[in-house]
Amino acid sequence: MNATEILLIGGETPLHTLLTAGGYSVMTAGATSLPHLIIIDLEGASNDGHGLLKKLRSNYRAPIIALSRQNREEDIISALDNGADDYLAKPFRPGELLARIRAALRSTAINDGDGELLIRAGGLEIDLASRTVKKNNEWLKLTATQYSLLVLFGKNAGKVLTHHYLLREIWGSDYTGELQYLRVFIGQLRKKIERDANAPEHIITESGVGYRFARRE
């Protein structure tokens, strides 16, 4: 079985060593094969890390993890808006990055073959066979994590999904307490699928518990 290939952009030598030691095959810019995952250091990549992030998202469907020295909520939101699936502030523990990589790869491996292949909810249409989403017949551009979240909601329409459950299913058991982390991702997904993100009709907040996906027709 071939090793998982990670495209590393702007990372330092210790990061390359960490990934290689973790069993990953590290690619550099200009590689011809498609990566399974991309890691971009926003400060080390170029003078315009966020611009490069947007370009990567337009060219690749693989999950993207952004690394940065900045840790404000607005910095995280900006990276997510520009196409990142995950965001990790430096300095971080090596094990934390490896856990984020496993979670990102796991989110792309959600089994889309069980049950129905087309989920409709009002103007939304989730095609599990092609891994695409439409809103009022227009294609939506979702990151891998946003898509995985939406599929999880769609498959459990009408059920209340707890914060703990959502964090565990998408990011893994190490993140079941990261409520603010989840809120940021839910906010970004709502901006893309709701008519009004401030008055959501699909992803409904169940205060203090989690979220419920309303599959209105």
N, C-alpha and C. Protein backbone atom coordinates (compact mmCIF):
# COMPACT_ATOMS: atom_id res chain seq x y z
N MET A 1 0.85 -1.21 0.00
CA MET A 1 0.00 0.00 0.00
C MET A 1 0.88 1.26 0.00
N ASN A 2 0.62 2.20 -0.87
CA ASN A 2 1.41 3.41 -0.96
C ASN A 2 1.19 4.28 0.27
N ALA A 3 2.25 5.01 0.66
CA ALA A 3 2.15 5.91 1.80
C ALA A 3 1.25 7.09 1.45
N THR A 4 0.61 7.64 2.47
CA THR A 4 -0.19 8.85 2.27
C THR A 4 0.73 9.99 1.90
N GLU A 5 0.40 10.70 0.83
CA GLU A 5 1.25 11.78 0.34
C GLU A 5 0.75 13.13 0.83
N ILE A 6 1.64 13.88 1.46
CA ILE A 6 1.31 15.19 2.00
C ILE A 6 2.14 16.25 1.27
N LEU A 7 1.45 17.24 0.73
CA LEU A 7 2.12 18.36 0.09
C LEU A 7 2.41 19.40 1.18
N LEU A 8 3.69 19.66 1.42
CA LEU A 8 4.12 20.60 2.46
C LEU A 8 4.62 21.87 1.80
N ILE A 9 4.00 23.00 2.18
CA ILE A 9 4.36 24.28 1.59
C ILE A 9 4.77 25.25 2.70
N GLY A 10 6.02 25.70 2.63
CA GLY A 10 6.50 26.68 3.60
C GLY A 10 6.93 26.09 4.92
N GLY A 11 6.91 24.78 5.04
CA GLY A 11 7.29 24.14 6.29
C GLY A 11 8.79 24.06 6.46
N GLU A 12 9.24 24.05 7.71
CA GLU A 12 10.66 23.96 8.00
C GLU A 12 11.10 22.50 8.02
N THR A 13 12.41 22.29 8.04
CA THR A 13 12.98 20.94 8.02
C THR A 13 12.46 20.05 9.14
N PRO A 14 12.34 20.54 10.40
CA PRO A 14 11.82 19.67 11.46
C PRO A 14 10.41 19.15 11.17
N LEU A 15 9.61 19.95 10.49
CA LEU A 15 8.26 19.52 10.14
C LEU A 15 8.33 18.41 9.10
N HIS A 16 9.18 18.55 8.13
CA HIS A 16 9.39 17.52 7.10
C HIS A 16 9.82 16.22 7.78
N THR A 17 10.74 16.33 8.75
CA THR A 17 11.23 15.16 9.47
C THR A 17 10.11 14.50 10.28
N LEU A 18 9.28 15.32 10.93
CA LEU A 18 8.17 14.81 11.72
C LEU A 18 7.20 14.01 10.86
N LEU A 19 6.85 14.55 9.70
CA LEU A 19 5.90 13.87 8.82
C LEU A 19 6.48 12.57 8.27
N THR A 20 7.74 12.60 7.90
CA THR A 20 8.39 11.40 7.39
C THR A 20 8.45 10.32 8.47
N ALA A 21 8.78 10.74 9.69
CA ALA A 21 8.85 9.79 10.80
C ALA A 21 7.46 9.23 11.12
N GLY A 22 6.43 10.01 10.82
CA GLY A 22 5.06 9.55 11.06
C GLY A 22 4.54 8.62 9.99
N GLY A 23 5.38 8.32 9.00
CA GLY A 23 5.00 7.36 7.97
C GLY A 23 4.40 7.98 6.73
N TYR A 24 4.47 9.32 6.61
CA TYR A 24 3.91 10.00 5.46
C TYR A 24 4.97 10.28 4.41
N SER A 25 4.55 10.31 3.15
CA SER A 25 5.43 10.68 2.06
C SER A 25 5.25 12.17 1.80
N VAL A 26 6.34 12.94 1.94
CA VAL A 26 6.25 14.39 1.85
C VAL A 26 6.57 14.85 0.44
N MET A 27 5.63 15.62 -0.13
CA MET A 27 5.80 16.18 -1.46
C MET A 27 6.15 17.66 -1.34
N THR A 28 6.78 18.20 -2.35
CA THR A 28 7.07 19.63 -2.40
C THR A 28 6.40 20.24 -3.62
N ALA A 29 6.35 21.55 -3.65
CA ALA A 29 5.71 22.25 -4.76
C ALA A 29 6.32 21.80 -6.09
N GLY A 30 5.48 21.58 -7.08
CA GLY A 30 5.94 21.15 -8.38
C GLY A 30 5.79 19.66 -8.61
N ALA A 31 5.39 18.92 -7.55
CA ALA A 31 5.17 17.49 -7.71
C ALA A 31 4.01 17.25 -8.67
N THR A 32 4.09 16.17 -9.42
CA THR A 32 3.07 15.92 -10.44
C THR A 32 1.88 15.11 -9.93
N SER A 33 2.06 14.30 -8.88
CA SER A 33 0.95 13.51 -8.38
C SER A 33 0.08 14.34 -7.44
N LEU A 34 -1.16 13.92 -7.24
CA LEU A 34 -2.09 14.64 -6.38
C LEU A 34 -1.90 14.22 -4.94
N PRO A 35 -1.80 15.19 -4.03
CA PRO A 35 -1.60 14.86 -2.61
C PRO A 35 -2.89 14.38 -1.95
N HIS A 36 -2.74 13.61 -0.89
CA HIS A 36 -3.90 13.22 -0.08
C HIS A 36 -4.28 14.34 0.89
N LEU A 37 -3.30 15.19 1.23
CA LEU A 37 -3.51 16.26 2.19
C LEU A 37 -2.45 17.33 1.95
N ILE A 38 -2.79 18.58 2.28
CA ILE A 38 -1.87 19.70 2.09
C ILE A 38 -1.67 20.41 3.44
N ILE A 39 -0.43 20.74 3.75
CA ILE A 39 -0.11 21.56 4.93
C ILE A 39 0.58 22.81 4.42
N ILE A 40 0.07 23.97 4.80
CA ILE A 40 0.67 25.24 4.38
C ILE A 40 0.97 26.09 5.60
N ASP A 41 2.22 26.54 5.69
CA ASP A 41 2.62 27.50 6.71
C ASP A 41 2.35 28.88 6.14
N LEU A 42 1.38 29.58 6.68
CA LEU A 42 0.92 30.83 6.07
C LEU A 42 1.99 31.91 6.05
N GLU A 43 2.86 31.94 7.07
CA GLU A 43 3.92 32.93 7.08
C GLU A 43 5.14 32.47 6.28
N GLY A 44 5.39 31.17 6.27
CA GLY A 44 6.59 30.67 5.60
C GLY A 44 6.40 30.40 4.13
N ALA A 45 5.15 30.33 3.68
CA ALA A 45 4.88 29.94 2.29
C ALA A 45 5.22 31.05 1.30
N SER A 46 4.80 32.27 1.59
CA SER A 46 5.02 33.39 0.67
C SER A 46 4.66 34.67 1.38
N ASN A 47 4.79 35.79 0.69
CA ASN A 47 4.41 37.08 1.28
C ASN A 47 2.89 37.19 1.42
N ASP A 48 2.17 36.39 0.68
CA ASP A 48 0.70 36.39 0.73
C ASP A 48 0.22 34.96 0.96
N GLY A 49 0.36 34.49 2.19
CA GLY A 49 -0.02 33.12 2.51
C GLY A 49 -1.48 32.84 2.25
N HIS A 50 -2.35 33.80 2.57
CA HIS A 50 -3.77 33.58 2.37
C HIS A 50 -4.14 33.55 0.89
N GLY A 51 -3.45 34.36 0.09
CA GLY A 51 -3.68 34.31 -1.35
C GLY A 51 -3.28 32.96 -1.93
N LEU A 52 -2.16 32.44 -1.46
CA LEU A 52 -1.71 31.13 -1.91
C LEU A 52 -2.68 30.04 -1.44
N LEU A 53 -3.21 30.21 -0.23
CA LEU A 53 -4.20 29.26 0.29
C LEU A 53 -5.42 29.21 -0.62
N LYS A 54 -5.92 30.35 -1.03
CA LYS A 54 -7.07 30.40 -1.94
C LYS A 54 -6.76 29.71 -3.26
N LYS A 55 -5.56 29.92 -3.76
CA LYS A 55 -5.16 29.29 -5.02
C LYS A 55 -5.10 27.77 -4.88
N LEU A 56 -4.58 27.30 -3.75
CA LEU A 56 -4.51 25.86 -3.49
C LEU A 56 -5.91 25.27 -3.46
N ARG A 57 -6.84 25.95 -2.78
CA ARG A 57 -8.20 25.42 -2.68
C ARG A 57 -8.86 25.35 -4.05
N SER A 58 -8.55 26.29 -4.92
CA SER A 58 -9.18 26.27 -6.25
C SER A 58 -8.61 25.15 -7.12
N ASN A 59 -7.41 24.66 -6.77
CA ASN A 59 -6.77 23.64 -7.59
C ASN A 59 -6.85 22.23 -7.01
N TYR A 60 -7.11 22.11 -5.71
CA TYR A 60 -7.10 20.80 -5.07
C TYR A 60 -8.37 20.59 -4.23
N ARG A 61 -8.82 19.33 -4.18
CA ARG A 61 -9.96 18.98 -3.32
C ARG A 61 -9.48 18.36 -2.01
N ALA A 62 -8.20 18.06 -1.91
CA ALA A 62 -7.65 17.44 -0.71
C ALA A 62 -7.81 18.37 0.49
N PRO A 63 -7.94 17.81 1.70
CA PRO A 63 -8.03 18.66 2.90
C PRO A 63 -6.75 19.48 3.07
N ILE A 64 -6.91 20.70 3.57
CA ILE A 64 -5.78 21.61 3.78
C ILE A 64 -5.71 22.01 5.25
N ILE A 65 -4.54 21.86 5.84
CA ILE A 65 -4.30 22.31 7.21
C ILE A 65 -3.39 23.54 7.14
N ALA A 66 -3.86 24.66 7.69
CA ALA A 66 -3.08 25.89 7.70
C ALA A 66 -2.37 26.04 9.04
N LEU A 67 -1.10 26.40 8.99
CA LEU A 67 -0.30 26.66 10.19
C LEU A 67 0.00 28.15 10.25
N SER A 68 -0.04 28.73 11.44
CA SER A 68 0.21 30.17 11.55
C SER A 68 0.62 30.54 12.97
N ARG A 69 1.35 31.64 13.08
CA ARG A 69 1.69 32.17 14.40
C ARG A 69 0.51 32.91 15.02
N GLN A 70 -0.49 33.26 14.20
CA GLN A 70 -1.65 34.00 14.67
C GLN A 70 -2.70 33.05 15.25
N ASN A 71 -3.35 33.46 16.36
CA ASN A 71 -4.32 32.57 16.99
C ASN A 71 -5.61 33.28 17.38
N ARG A 72 -5.87 34.44 16.76
CA ARG A 72 -7.14 35.12 17.02
C ARG A 72 -8.26 34.47 16.22
N GLU A 73 -9.48 34.58 16.74
CA GLU A 73 -10.61 33.96 16.05
C GLU A 73 -10.75 34.48 14.63
N GLU A 74 -10.49 35.79 14.43
CA GLU A 74 -10.62 36.35 13.08
C GLU A 74 -9.57 35.77 12.13
N ASP A 75 -8.41 35.41 12.66
CA ASP A 75 -7.39 34.78 11.82
C ASP A 75 -7.82 33.38 11.40
N ILE A 76 -8.42 32.64 12.35
CA ILE A 76 -8.92 31.30 12.04
C ILE A 76 -10.02 31.38 10.98
N ILE A 77 -10.96 32.30 11.19
CA ILE A 77 -12.07 32.45 10.25
C ILE A 77 -11.57 32.83 8.86
N SER A 78 -10.58 33.71 8.81
CA SER A 78 -10.02 34.12 7.52
C SER A 78 -9.42 32.93 6.78
N ALA A 79 -8.70 32.08 7.51
CA ALA A 79 -8.10 30.90 6.88
C ALA A 79 -9.18 29.94 6.39
N LEU A 80 -10.23 29.75 7.18
CA LEU A 80 -11.32 28.87 6.77
C LEU A 80 -12.05 29.45 5.55
N ASP A 81 -12.27 30.75 5.56
CA ASP A 81 -12.92 31.41 4.42
C ASP A 81 -12.10 31.24 3.14
N ASN A 82 -10.79 31.18 3.29
CA ASN A 82 -9.92 31.07 2.12
C ASN A 82 -9.67 29.63 1.70
N GLY A 83 -10.32 28.67 2.38
CA GLY A 83 -10.27 27.29 1.91
C GLY A 83 -9.64 26.26 2.81
N ALA A 84 -9.12 26.66 3.98
CA ALA A 84 -8.52 25.68 4.87
C ALA A 84 -9.60 24.81 5.52
N ASP A 85 -9.26 23.56 5.77
CA ASP A 85 -10.14 22.65 6.49
C ASP A 85 -9.84 22.66 7.99
N ASP A 86 -8.63 23.04 8.33
CA ASP A 86 -8.22 23.06 9.72
C ASP A 86 -7.16 24.13 9.89
N TYR A 87 -6.94 24.54 11.15
CA TYR A 87 -6.03 25.65 11.46
C TYR A 87 -5.32 25.31 12.75
N LEU A 88 -4.01 25.42 12.75
CA LEU A 88 -3.23 25.09 13.93
C LEU A 88 -2.24 26.22 14.20
N ALA A 89 -2.34 26.79 15.41
CA ALA A 89 -1.46 27.91 15.77
C ALA A 89 -0.12 27.40 16.28
N LYS A 90 0.94 28.09 15.88
CA LYS A 90 2.28 27.76 16.35
C LYS A 90 2.61 28.57 17.61
N PRO A 91 3.39 28.00 18.52
CA PRO A 91 4.00 26.66 18.46
C PRO A 91 2.97 25.59 18.86
N PHE A 92 3.12 24.40 18.32
CA PHE A 92 2.23 23.30 18.65
C PHE A 92 3.07 22.06 18.95
N ARG A 93 2.44 21.12 19.64
CA ARG A 93 3.12 19.86 19.94
C ARG A 93 3.08 18.97 18.69
N PRO A 94 4.16 18.26 18.42
CA PRO A 94 4.19 17.39 17.24
C PRO A 94 3.01 16.42 17.19
N GLY A 95 2.66 15.86 18.34
CA GLY A 95 1.55 14.91 18.37
C GLY A 95 0.23 15.54 17.99
N GLU A 96 0.09 16.85 18.26
CA GLU A 96 -1.17 17.53 17.92
C GLU A 96 -1.32 17.65 16.41
N LEU A 97 -0.24 17.98 15.72
CA LEU A 97 -0.31 18.07 14.26
C LEU A 97 -0.62 16.70 13.66
N LEU A 98 0.02 15.66 14.16
CA LEU A 98 -0.23 14.32 13.63
C LEU A 98 -1.68 13.91 13.87
N ALA A 99 -2.24 14.30 15.02
CA ALA A 99 -3.65 14.00 15.30
C ALA A 99 -4.56 14.76 14.35
N ARG A 100 -4.22 16.02 14.05
CA ARG A 100 -5.03 16.81 13.11
C ARG A 100 -4.98 16.20 11.71
N ILE A 101 -3.81 15.68 11.33
CA ILE A 101 -3.68 15.04 10.02
C ILE A 101 -4.58 13.81 9.95
N ARG A 102 -4.54 12.98 10.99
CA ARG A 102 -5.38 11.78 11.01
C ARG A 102 -6.85 12.15 10.94
N ALA A 103 -7.23 13.21 11.66
CA ALA A 103 -8.64 13.65 11.66
C ALA A 103 -9.06 14.15 10.28
N ALA A 104 -8.18 14.92 9.63
CA ALA A 104 -8.50 15.45 8.30
C ALA A 104 -8.65 14.33 7.29
N LEU A 105 -7.77 13.35 7.35
CA LEU A 105 -7.85 12.22 6.43
C LEU A 105 -9.09 11.38 6.72
N ARG A 106 -9.42 11.26 8.00
CA ARG A 106 -10.61 10.49 8.37
C ARG A 106 -11.87 11.17 7.87
N SER A 107 -11.89 12.50 7.90
CA SER A 107 -13.10 13.22 7.46
C SER A 107 -13.38 13.03 5.99
N THR A 108 -12.34 12.75 5.21
CA THR A 108 -12.55 12.52 3.77
C THR A 108 -12.93 11.08 3.48
N ALA A 109 -12.84 10.23 4.50
CA ALA A 109 -13.12 8.81 4.30
C ALA A 109 -14.48 8.38 4.82
N ILE A 110 -15.35 9.36 5.13
CA ILE A 110 -16.70 9.01 5.55
C ILE A 110 -17.37 8.18 4.46
N ASN A 111 -17.95 7.08 4.83
CA ASN A 111 -18.54 6.16 3.84
C ASN A 111 -19.80 6.77 3.26
N ASP A 112 -19.70 7.22 2.03
CA ASP A 112 -20.84 7.83 1.36
C ASP A 112 -21.72 6.80 0.66
N GLY A 113 -21.40 5.53 0.77
CA GLY A 113 -22.12 4.52 0.01
C GLY A 113 -23.29 3.88 0.73
N ASP A 114 -23.44 4.16 2.02
CA ASP A 114 -24.52 3.54 2.78
C ASP A 114 -25.82 4.30 2.59
N GLY A 115 -26.90 3.59 2.34
CA GLY A 115 -28.22 4.21 2.24
C GLY A 115 -28.38 5.04 0.98
N GLU A 116 -29.13 6.11 1.09
CA GLU A 116 -29.44 6.92 -0.08
C GLU A 116 -28.22 7.64 -0.61
N LEU A 117 -28.22 7.87 -1.92
CA LEU A 117 -27.09 8.52 -2.55
C LEU A 117 -27.36 9.99 -2.85
N LEU A 118 -28.60 10.42 -2.65
CA LEU A 118 -28.95 11.81 -2.90
C LEU A 118 -29.80 12.31 -1.73
N ILE A 119 -29.31 13.33 -1.05
CA ILE A 119 -30.03 13.90 0.09
C ILE A 119 -30.53 15.28 -0.32
N ARG A 120 -31.83 15.48 -0.22
CA ARG A 120 -32.43 16.78 -0.55
C ARG A 120 -33.00 17.41 0.71
N ALA A 121 -32.77 18.71 0.84
CA ALA A 121 -33.30 19.44 1.99
C ALA A 121 -33.60 20.86 1.52
N GLY A 122 -34.86 21.10 1.19
CA GLY A 122 -35.21 22.40 0.65
C GLY A 122 -34.46 22.62 -0.65
N GLY A 123 -33.73 23.71 -0.75
CA GLY A 123 -32.97 23.99 -1.97
C GLY A 123 -31.62 23.31 -2.02
N LEU A 124 -31.28 22.55 -0.98
CA LEU A 124 -30.00 21.85 -0.94
C LEU A 124 -30.10 20.48 -1.58
N GLU A 125 -29.03 20.07 -2.25
CA GLU A 125 -28.96 18.74 -2.84
C GLU A 125 -27.54 18.21 -2.64
N ILE A 126 -27.42 17.15 -1.84
CA ILE A 126 -26.13 16.55 -1.54
C ILE A 126 -26.03 15.24 -2.31
N ASP A 127 -25.12 15.20 -3.27
CA ASP A 127 -24.93 14.01 -4.08
C ASP A 127 -23.75 13.24 -3.51
N LEU A 128 -24.03 12.13 -2.83
CA LEU A 128 -22.99 11.36 -2.16
C LEU A 128 -22.12 10.60 -3.15
N ALA A 129 -22.66 10.27 -4.31
CA ALA A 129 -21.89 9.52 -5.30
C ALA A 129 -20.77 10.39 -5.88
N SER A 130 -21.08 11.64 -6.20
CA SER A 130 -20.09 12.52 -6.81
C SER A 130 -19.44 13.46 -5.80
N ARG A 131 -19.87 13.40 -4.53
CA ARG A 131 -19.37 14.27 -3.45
C ARG A 131 -19.51 15.75 -3.83
N THR A 132 -20.70 16.10 -4.33
CA THR A 132 -20.96 17.48 -4.71
C THR A 132 -22.22 17.98 -3.99
N VAL A 133 -22.33 19.30 -3.89
CA VAL A 133 -23.48 19.91 -3.22
C VAL A 133 -23.99 21.06 -4.08
N LYS A 134 -25.31 21.13 -4.22
CA LYS A 134 -25.95 22.23 -4.92
C LYS A 134 -26.88 22.99 -3.97
N LYS A 135 -26.99 24.28 -4.20
CA LYS A 135 -27.95 25.11 -3.48
C LYS A 135 -28.73 25.88 -4.52
N ASN A 136 -30.02 25.58 -4.60
CA ASN A 136 -30.88 26.18 -5.63
C ASN A 136 -30.27 25.99 -7.03
N ASN A 137 -29.81 24.75 -7.28
CA ASN A 137 -29.25 24.33 -8.57
C ASN A 137 -27.91 24.97 -8.91
N GLU A 138 -27.29 25.61 -7.94
CA GLU A 138 -25.96 26.17 -8.16
C GLU A 138 -24.96 25.40 -7.30
N TRP A 139 -23.80 25.07 -7.91
CA TRP A 139 -22.78 24.30 -7.20
C TRP A 139 -22.21 25.10 -6.05
N LEU A 140 -22.03 24.44 -4.92
CA LEU A 140 -21.38 25.05 -3.78
C LEU A 140 -19.96 24.54 -3.68
N LYS A 141 -19.04 25.42 -3.29
CA LYS A 141 -17.65 25.04 -3.09
C LYS A 141 -17.44 24.84 -1.60
N LEU A 142 -17.37 23.58 -1.17
CA LEU A 142 -17.15 23.27 0.24
C LEU A 142 -15.78 22.66 0.43
N THR A 143 -15.19 22.93 1.59
CA THR A 143 -13.95 22.23 1.92
C THR A 143 -14.30 20.79 2.31
N ALA A 144 -13.29 19.95 2.43
CA ALA A 144 -13.52 18.55 2.78
C ALA A 144 -14.21 18.43 4.13
N THR A 145 -13.81 19.26 5.09
CA THR A 145 -14.43 19.20 6.42
C THR A 145 -15.86 19.70 6.39
N GLN A 146 -16.11 20.78 5.66
CA GLN A 146 -17.47 21.30 5.54
C GLN A 146 -18.38 20.26 4.90
N TYR A 147 -17.87 19.60 3.87
CA TYR A 147 -18.66 18.55 3.20
C TYR A 147 -18.95 17.40 4.17
N SER A 148 -17.96 16.97 4.91
CA SER A 148 -18.15 15.86 5.85
C SER A 148 -19.17 16.21 6.93
N LEU A 149 -19.12 17.45 7.42
CA LEU A 149 -20.10 17.91 8.40
C LEU A 149 -21.51 17.88 7.81
N LEU A 150 -21.64 18.40 6.59
CA LEU A 150 -22.95 18.46 5.96
C LEU A 150 -23.52 17.06 5.71
N VAL A 151 -22.66 16.13 5.27
CA VAL A 151 -23.10 14.76 5.05
C VAL A 151 -23.55 14.12 6.36
N LEU A 152 -22.80 14.36 7.42
CA LEU A 152 -23.16 13.81 8.73
C LEU A 152 -24.52 14.34 9.17
N PHE A 153 -24.75 15.64 8.97
CA PHE A 153 -26.06 16.22 9.29
C PHE A 153 -27.14 15.61 8.41
N GLY A 154 -26.87 15.55 7.10
CA GLY A 154 -27.88 15.05 6.18
C GLY A 154 -28.31 13.63 6.45
N LYS A 155 -27.35 12.79 6.84
CA LYS A 155 -27.65 11.39 7.13
C LYS A 155 -28.40 11.23 8.45
N ASN A 156 -28.37 12.29 9.28
CA ASN A 156 -29.03 12.23 10.58
C ASN A 156 -30.08 13.33 10.71
N ALA A 157 -30.74 13.64 9.59
CA ALA A 157 -31.73 14.71 9.56
C ALA A 157 -32.81 14.49 10.62
N GLY A 158 -33.12 15.57 11.34
CA GLY A 158 -34.14 15.52 12.38
C GLY A 158 -33.63 15.12 13.74
N LYS A 159 -32.44 14.56 13.80
CA LYS A 159 -31.87 14.14 15.08
C LYS A 159 -31.02 15.27 15.67
N VAL A 160 -30.99 15.35 16.97
CA VAL A 160 -30.11 16.29 17.64
C VAL A 160 -28.74 15.63 17.77
N LEU A 161 -27.74 16.24 17.16
CA LEU A 161 -26.37 15.73 17.23
C LEU A 161 -25.61 16.58 18.24
N THR A 162 -25.12 15.95 19.28
CA THR A 162 -24.45 16.70 20.36
C THR A 162 -23.11 17.24 19.90
N HIS A 163 -22.64 18.27 20.61
CA HIS A 163 -21.31 18.81 20.33
C HIS A 163 -20.27 17.70 20.39
N HIS A 164 -20.35 16.88 21.43
CA HIS A 164 -19.40 15.79 21.64
C HIS A 164 -19.40 14.84 20.44
N TYR A 165 -20.59 14.48 19.97
CA TYR A 165 -20.71 13.54 18.86
C TYR A 165 -20.11 14.12 17.58
N LEU A 166 -20.44 15.37 17.27
CA LEU A 166 -19.94 16.00 16.04
C LEU A 166 -18.42 16.11 16.05
N LEU A 167 -17.87 16.55 17.18
CA LEU A 167 -16.42 16.70 17.28
C LEU A 167 -15.72 15.34 17.17
N ARG A 168 -16.30 14.33 17.81
CA ARG A 168 -15.68 13.00 17.77
C ARG A 168 -15.74 12.40 16.36
N GLU A 169 -16.89 12.54 15.69
CA GLU A 169 -17.05 11.92 14.37
C GLU A 169 -16.20 12.58 13.29
N ILE A 170 -16.05 13.90 13.37
CA ILE A 170 -15.33 14.62 12.32
C ILE A 170 -13.84 14.78 12.64
N TRP A 171 -13.54 15.11 13.90
CA TRP A 171 -12.14 15.39 14.23
C TRP A 171 -11.48 14.34 15.13
N GLY A 172 -12.25 13.50 15.77
CA GLY A 172 -11.68 12.47 16.62
C GLY A 172 -11.86 12.75 18.10
N SER A 173 -11.60 11.75 18.91
CA SER A 173 -11.89 11.82 20.35
C SER A 173 -11.03 12.85 21.08
N ASP A 174 -9.91 13.26 20.50
CA ASP A 174 -9.05 14.26 21.16
C ASP A 174 -9.67 15.65 21.15
N TYR A 175 -10.75 15.86 20.39
CA TYR A 175 -11.30 17.22 20.21
C TYR A 175 -12.73 17.37 20.74
N THR A 176 -13.16 16.42 21.58
CA THR A 176 -14.56 16.46 22.02
C THR A 176 -14.88 17.63 22.95
N GLY A 177 -13.88 18.35 23.42
CA GLY A 177 -14.14 19.50 24.27
C GLY A 177 -13.97 20.83 23.57
N GLU A 178 -13.66 20.81 22.28
CA GLU A 178 -13.37 22.05 21.53
C GLU A 178 -14.65 22.68 20.98
N LEU A 179 -15.50 23.19 21.87
CA LEU A 179 -16.79 23.73 21.44
C LEU A 179 -16.64 24.98 20.57
N GLN A 180 -15.71 25.86 20.92
CA GLN A 180 -15.52 27.06 20.12
C GLN A 180 -15.04 26.70 18.72
N TYR A 181 -14.20 25.70 18.65
CA TYR A 181 -13.70 25.18 17.37
C TYR A 181 -14.87 24.76 16.49
N LEU A 182 -15.80 24.00 17.08
CA LEU A 182 -16.98 23.53 16.34
C LEU A 182 -17.85 24.70 15.90
N ARG A 183 -18.05 25.68 16.79
CA ARG A 183 -18.89 26.83 16.45
C ARG A 183 -18.35 27.58 15.23
N VAL A 184 -17.03 27.72 15.15
CA VAL A 184 -16.43 28.41 14.00
C VAL A 184 -16.76 27.67 12.71
N PHE A 185 -16.61 26.34 12.73
CA PHE A 185 -16.87 25.55 11.52
C PHE A 185 -18.35 25.56 11.15
N ILE A 186 -19.23 25.47 12.14
CA ILE A 186 -20.67 25.53 11.87
C ILE A 186 -21.03 26.89 11.26
N GLY A 187 -20.43 27.95 11.79
CA GLY A 187 -20.69 29.29 11.26
C GLY A 187 -20.28 29.41 9.80
N GLN A 188 -19.13 28.83 9.44
CA GLN A 188 -18.68 28.88 8.06
C GLN A 188 -19.59 28.07 7.14
N LEU A 189 -20.04 26.91 7.61
CA LEU A 189 -20.94 26.08 6.80
C LEU A 189 -22.29 26.77 6.60
N ARG A 190 -22.79 27.41 7.64
CA ARG A 190 -24.07 28.13 7.52
C ARG A 190 -23.98 29.24 6.49
N LYS A 191 -22.85 29.92 6.42
CA LYS A 191 -22.70 31.00 5.44
C LYS A 191 -22.87 30.49 4.01
N LYS A 192 -22.54 29.23 3.80
CA LYS A 192 -22.59 28.67 2.45
C LYS A 192 -23.94 28.04 2.11
N ILE A 193 -24.62 27.46 3.10
CA ILE A 193 -25.84 26.71 2.76
C ILE A 193 -27.13 27.41 3.14
N GLU A 194 -27.08 28.38 4.05
CA GLU A 194 -28.30 29.03 4.52
C GLU A 194 -28.63 30.27 3.70
N ARG A 195 -29.92 30.58 3.58
CA ARG A 195 -30.30 31.84 2.96
C ARG A 195 -29.83 33.01 3.81
N ASP A 196 -29.94 32.84 5.13
CA ASP A 196 -29.49 33.85 6.08
C ASP A 196 -28.79 33.11 7.21
N ALA A 197 -27.48 33.26 7.28
CA ALA A 197 -26.70 32.53 8.29
C ALA A 197 -27.08 32.91 9.71
N ASN A 198 -27.67 34.11 9.88
CA ASN A 198 -28.08 34.56 11.22
C ASN A 198 -29.47 34.05 11.60
N ALA A 199 -30.19 33.49 10.64
CA ALA A 199 -31.50 32.89 10.92
C ALA A 199 -31.56 31.55 10.19
N PRO A 200 -30.74 30.59 10.60
CA PRO A 200 -30.61 29.32 9.88
C PRO A 200 -31.90 28.51 9.82
N GLU A 201 -32.12 27.90 8.67
CA GLU A 201 -33.29 27.03 8.47
C GLU A 201 -32.89 25.57 8.42
N HIS A 202 -31.62 25.30 8.15
CA HIS A 202 -31.15 23.91 8.04
C HIS A 202 -30.44 23.45 9.31
N ILE A 203 -29.37 24.14 9.69
CA ILE A 203 -28.60 23.74 10.87
C ILE A 203 -29.11 24.55 12.06
N ILE A 204 -29.94 23.89 12.86
CA ILE A 204 -30.61 24.56 13.98
C ILE A 204 -29.83 24.31 15.27
N THR A 205 -29.58 25.38 16.02
CA THR A 205 -28.89 25.24 17.30
C THR A 205 -29.84 24.72 18.37
N GLU A 206 -29.42 23.66 19.05
CA GLU A 206 -30.13 23.16 20.23
C GLU A 206 -29.30 23.61 21.42
N SER A 207 -29.73 24.71 22.05
CA SER A 207 -28.93 25.40 23.05
C SER A 207 -28.37 24.48 24.13
N GLY A 208 -27.05 24.56 24.29
CA GLY A 208 -26.38 23.80 25.33
C GLY A 208 -26.19 22.33 25.02
N VAL A 209 -26.71 21.88 23.87
CA VAL A 209 -26.66 20.45 23.55
C VAL A 209 -25.88 20.18 22.26
N GLY A 210 -26.29 20.84 21.17
CA GLY A 210 -25.65 20.57 19.88
C GLY A 210 -26.44 21.21 18.76
N TYR A 211 -26.62 20.48 17.66
CA TYR A 211 -27.30 21.01 16.48
C TYR A 211 -28.21 19.94 15.88
N ARG A 212 -29.23 20.41 15.19
CA ARG A 212 -30.17 19.52 14.50
C ARG A 212 -30.32 19.98 13.06
N PHE A 213 -30.29 19.04 12.12
CA PHE A 213 -30.44 19.37 10.71
C PHE A 213 -31.90 19.23 10.32
N ALA A 214 -32.51 20.35 9.96
CA ALA A 214 -33.93 20.35 9.56
C ALA A 214 -34.02 20.09 8.07
N ARG A 215 -34.58 18.95 7.72
CA ARG A 215 -34.68 18.56 6.30
C ARG A 215 -36.01 19.02 5.74
N ARG A 216 -36.19 20.32 5.67
CA ARG A 216 -37.46 20.84 5.17
C ARG A 216 -37.54 20.64 3.67
N GLU A 217 -38.72 20.39 3.18
CA GLU A 217 -38.91 20.16 1.73
C GLU A 217 -39.32 21.45 1.04
